[in-house]
Amino acid sequence: MKILFLNPGVNRKFGRFILFSNPIKEIVCLKKNIIKPSLQLFDKYIEKGYYAAGFLCYETGGFFNEINLRNACLPYFYFGIYKKPEIVSLREFQNNKDKFVLYDLKNNTR
């Protein structure tokens, strides 16, 4: 799994990307009853200084508000755990576009 994020704090003309690749662990939560232990495992890695990249699906929000969760058609959450991200310059990205799949989170979230 590779995840590439545009670093929004940088001028787009000279932008750079943050690349997460080769996770040491993947935490995938497919069932409501394992949300809490999965989040606890996630926290342990973050406390040890690892990085995480992934997503929470909309339905997971009910867990935090103690609402009865609907079954999700996606995993409730999916995170890769990484030692350290790589910084990819805009030029490097443009010269190697075929090696990356870019997903623009800003235009695909509500």
C-alpha atoms as a PDB file:
ATOM      1  CA  MET A   1       0.000   0.000   0.000  1.00  0.00           C
ATOM      2  CA  LYS A   2       1.298   3.442  -0.979  1.00  0.00           C
ATOM      3  CA  ILE A   3      -0.412   6.674   0.041  1.00  0.00           C
ATOM      4  CA  LEU A   4       0.618  10.031  -1.408  1.00  0.00           C
ATOM      5  CA  PHE A   5      -0.577  13.321   0.110  1.00  0.00           C
ATOM      6  CA  LEU A   6      -0.013  16.825  -1.207  1.00  0.00           C
ATOM      7  CA  ASN A   7       1.503  18.969   1.519  1.00  0.00           C
ATOM      8  CA  PRO A   8      -0.936  21.927   1.512  1.00  0.00           C
ATOM      9  CA  GLY A   9       1.383  24.195   3.477  1.00  0.00           C
ATOM     10  CA  VAL A  10       3.703  24.514   0.506  1.00  0.00           C
ATOM     11  CA  ASN A  11       3.286  26.747  -2.550  1.00  0.00           C
ATOM     12  CA  ARG A  12       1.757  24.591  -5.327  1.00  0.00           C
ATOM     13  CA  LYS A  13       4.336  25.805  -7.854  1.00  0.00           C
ATOM     14  CA  PHE A  14       7.141  24.382  -5.733  1.00  0.00           C
ATOM     15  CA  GLY A  15       4.954  21.871  -3.918  1.00  0.00           C
ATOM     16  CA  ARG A  16       5.939  18.600  -2.424  1.00  0.00           C
ATOM     17  CA  PHE A  17       4.180  15.421  -1.499  1.00  0.00           C
ATOM     18  CA  ILE A  18       4.340  13.188   1.535  1.00  0.00           C
ATOM     19  CA  LEU A  19       4.620   9.539   0.492  1.00  0.00           C
ATOM     20  CA  PHE A  20       3.838   6.654   2.814  1.00  0.00           C
ATOM     21  CA  SER A  21       4.894   3.250   1.459  1.00  0.00           C
ATOM     22  CA  ASN A  22       5.737  -0.215   2.738  1.00  0.00           C
ATOM     23  CA  PRO A  23       3.753  -0.256   5.972  1.00  0.00           C
ATOM     24  CA  ILE A  24       5.150  -2.293   8.824  1.00  0.00           C
ATOM     25  CA  LYS A  25       1.574  -3.073   9.882  1.00  0.00           C
ATOM     26  CA  GLU A  26      -1.926  -2.599   8.508  1.00  0.00           C
ATOM     27  CA  ILE A  27      -4.798  -2.093  10.922  1.00  0.00           C
ATOM     28  CA  VAL A  28      -8.115  -2.930   9.317  1.00  0.00           C
ATOM     29  CA  CYS A  29     -11.384  -2.897  11.238  1.00  0.00           C
ATOM     30  CA  LEU A  30     -14.194  -4.774   9.506  1.00  0.00           C
ATOM     31  CA  LYS A  31     -16.479  -5.456  12.487  1.00  0.00           C
ATOM     32  CA  LYS A  32     -18.158  -3.133  14.976  1.00  0.00           C
ATOM     33  CA  ASN A  33     -17.043  -5.193  17.966  1.00  0.00           C
ATOM     34  CA  ILE A  34     -13.320  -4.723  17.228  1.00  0.00           C
ATOM     35  CA  ILE A  35     -13.317  -0.929  16.782  1.00  0.00           C
ATOM     36  CA  LYS A  36     -12.090  -0.232  20.322  1.00  0.00           C
ATOM     37  CA  PRO A  37      -9.253  -2.821  20.400  1.00  0.00           C
ATOM     38  CA  SER A  38      -8.187  -1.766  16.895  1.00  0.00           C
ATOM     39  CA  LEU A  39      -8.038   1.884  17.955  1.00  0.00           C
ATOM     40  CA  GLN A  40      -6.035   0.908  21.031  1.00  0.00           C
ATOM     41  CA  LEU A  41      -3.526  -0.895  18.811  1.00  0.00           C
ATOM     42  CA  PHE A  42      -3.391   2.178  16.555  1.00  0.00           C
ATOM     43  CA  ASP A  43      -2.653   4.377  19.611  1.00  0.00           C
ATOM     44  CA  LYS A  44       0.196   2.101  20.741  1.00  0.00           C
ATOM     45  CA  TYR A  45       1.993   2.548  17.414  1.00  0.00           C
ATOM     46  CA  ILE A  46       1.501   6.328  17.434  1.00  0.00           C
ATOM     47  CA  GLU A  47       2.798   6.559  21.026  1.00  0.00           C
ATOM     48  CA  LYS A  48       5.948   4.704  19.899  1.00  0.00           C
ATOM     49  CA  GLY A  49       6.598   7.383  17.248  1.00  0.00           C
ATOM     50  CA  TYR A  50       5.303   5.620  14.150  1.00  0.00           C
ATOM     51  CA  TYR A  51       3.295   7.400  11.469  1.00  0.00           C
ATOM     52  CA  ALA A  52      -0.173   6.385  10.284  1.00  0.00           C
ATOM     53  CA  ALA A  53      -2.003   7.057   7.031  1.00  0.00           C
ATOM     54  CA  GLY A  54      -5.406   5.765   6.045  1.00  0.00           C
ATOM     55  CA  PHE A  55      -9.062   6.535   6.546  1.00  0.00           C
ATOM     56  CA  LEU A  56     -12.093   6.287   8.808  1.00  0.00           C
ATOM     57  CA  CYS A  57     -15.409   5.656   7.084  1.00  0.00           C
ATOM     58  CA  TYR A  58     -18.397   7.860   7.901  1.00  0.00           C
ATOM     59  CA  GLU A  59     -20.173   5.162   9.915  1.00  0.00           C
ATOM     60  CA  THR A  60     -17.270   4.972  12.381  1.00  0.00           C
ATOM     61  CA  GLY A  61     -18.301   8.370  13.748  1.00  0.00           C
ATOM     62  CA  GLY A  62     -21.193   6.721  15.581  1.00  0.00           C
ATOM     63  CA  PHE A  63     -18.712   4.823  17.750  1.00  0.00           C
ATOM     64  CA  PHE A  64     -17.293   8.078  19.131  1.00  0.00           C
ATOM     65  CA  ASN A  65     -20.785   9.417  19.858  1.00  0.00           C
ATOM     66  CA  GLU A  66     -21.987   6.134  21.380  1.00  0.00           C
ATOM     67  CA  ILE A  67     -24.593   5.748  18.658  1.00  0.00           C
ATOM     68  CA  ASN A  68     -25.661   2.325  17.447  1.00  0.00           C
ATOM     69  CA  LEU A  69     -23.515   1.784  14.360  1.00  0.00           C
ATOM     70  CA  ARG A  70     -24.873   0.810  10.994  1.00  0.00           C
ATOM     71  CA  ASN A  71     -23.051  -1.873   9.103  1.00  0.00           C
ATOM     72  CA  ALA A  72     -20.435  -0.282   6.879  1.00  0.00           C
ATOM     73  CA  CYS A  73     -19.879  -1.365   3.298  1.00  0.00           C
ATOM     74  CA  LEU A  74     -16.234  -0.302   3.685  1.00  0.00           C
ATOM     75  CA  PRO A  75     -13.950  -1.130   6.586  1.00  0.00           C
ATOM     76  CA  TYR A  76     -14.771   1.052   9.581  1.00  0.00           C
ATOM     77  CA  PHE A  77     -11.188   2.174   9.293  1.00  0.00           C
ATOM     78  CA  TYR A  78      -8.033   1.201   7.510  1.00  0.00           C
ATOM     79  CA  PHE A  79      -4.596   2.506   8.465  1.00  0.00           C
ATOM     80  CA  GLY A  80      -1.100   1.604   7.458  1.00  0.00           C
ATOM     81  CA  ILE A  81       1.585   2.067  10.115  1.00  0.00           C
ATOM     82  CA  TYR A  82       4.868   3.456   8.798  1.00  0.00           C
ATOM     83  CA  LYS A  83       8.354   4.101  10.136  1.00  0.00           C
ATOM     84  CA  LYS A  84       8.738   7.411   8.318  1.00  0.00           C
ATOM     85  CA  PRO A  85       7.232   9.105   5.273  1.00  0.00           C
ATOM     86  CA  GLU A  86       9.242  10.105   2.245  1.00  0.00           C
ATOM     87  CA  ILE A  87       9.145  13.649   0.855  1.00  0.00           C
ATOM     88  CA  VAL A  88       8.617  13.724  -2.916  1.00  0.00           C
ATOM     89  CA  SER A  89       9.214  16.982  -4.766  1.00  0.00           C
ATOM     90  CA  LEU A  90       6.738  18.220  -7.332  1.00  0.00           C
ATOM     91  CA  ARG A  91       9.383  17.796 -10.028  1.00  0.00           C
ATOM     92  CA  GLU A  92      10.070  14.187  -8.994  1.00  0.00           C
ATOM     93  CA  PHE A  93       6.328  13.512  -9.010  1.00  0.00           C
ATOM     94  CA  GLN A  94       5.882  15.063 -12.469  1.00  0.00           C
ATOM     95  CA  ASN A  95       8.792  13.052 -13.870  1.00  0.00           C
ATOM     96  CA  ASN A  96       7.432   9.774 -12.440  1.00  0.00           C
ATOM     97  CA  LYS A  97       3.629  10.189 -12.596  1.00  0.00           C
ATOM     98  CA  ASP A  98       3.195   6.627 -13.825  1.00  0.00           C
ATOM     99  CA  LYS A  99       4.561   5.360 -10.483  1.00  0.00           C
ATOM    100  CA  PHE A 100       1.956   7.184  -8.391  1.00  0.00           C
ATOM    101  CA  VAL A 101      -1.797   7.144  -7.982  1.00  0.00           C
ATOM    102  CA  LEU A 102      -2.875  10.563  -6.799  1.00  0.00           C
ATOM    103  CA  TYR A 103      -6.111  10.904  -4.868  1.00  0.00           C
ATOM    104  CA  ASP A 104      -7.179  14.461  -4.155  1.00  0.00           C
ATOM    105  CA  LEU A 105      -8.804  14.307  -0.723  1.00  0.00           C
ATOM    106  CA  LYS A 106      -9.953  17.928  -0.889  1.00  0.00           C
ATOM    107  CA  ASN A 107     -12.133  17.264  -3.940  1.00  0.00           C
ATOM    108  CA  ASN A 108     -13.414  13.895  -2.742  1.00  0.00           C
ATOM    109  CA  THR A 109     -14.594  14.588   0.782  1.00  0.00           C
ATOM    110  CA  ARG A 110     -17.770  16.218   2.073  1.00  0.00           C
END
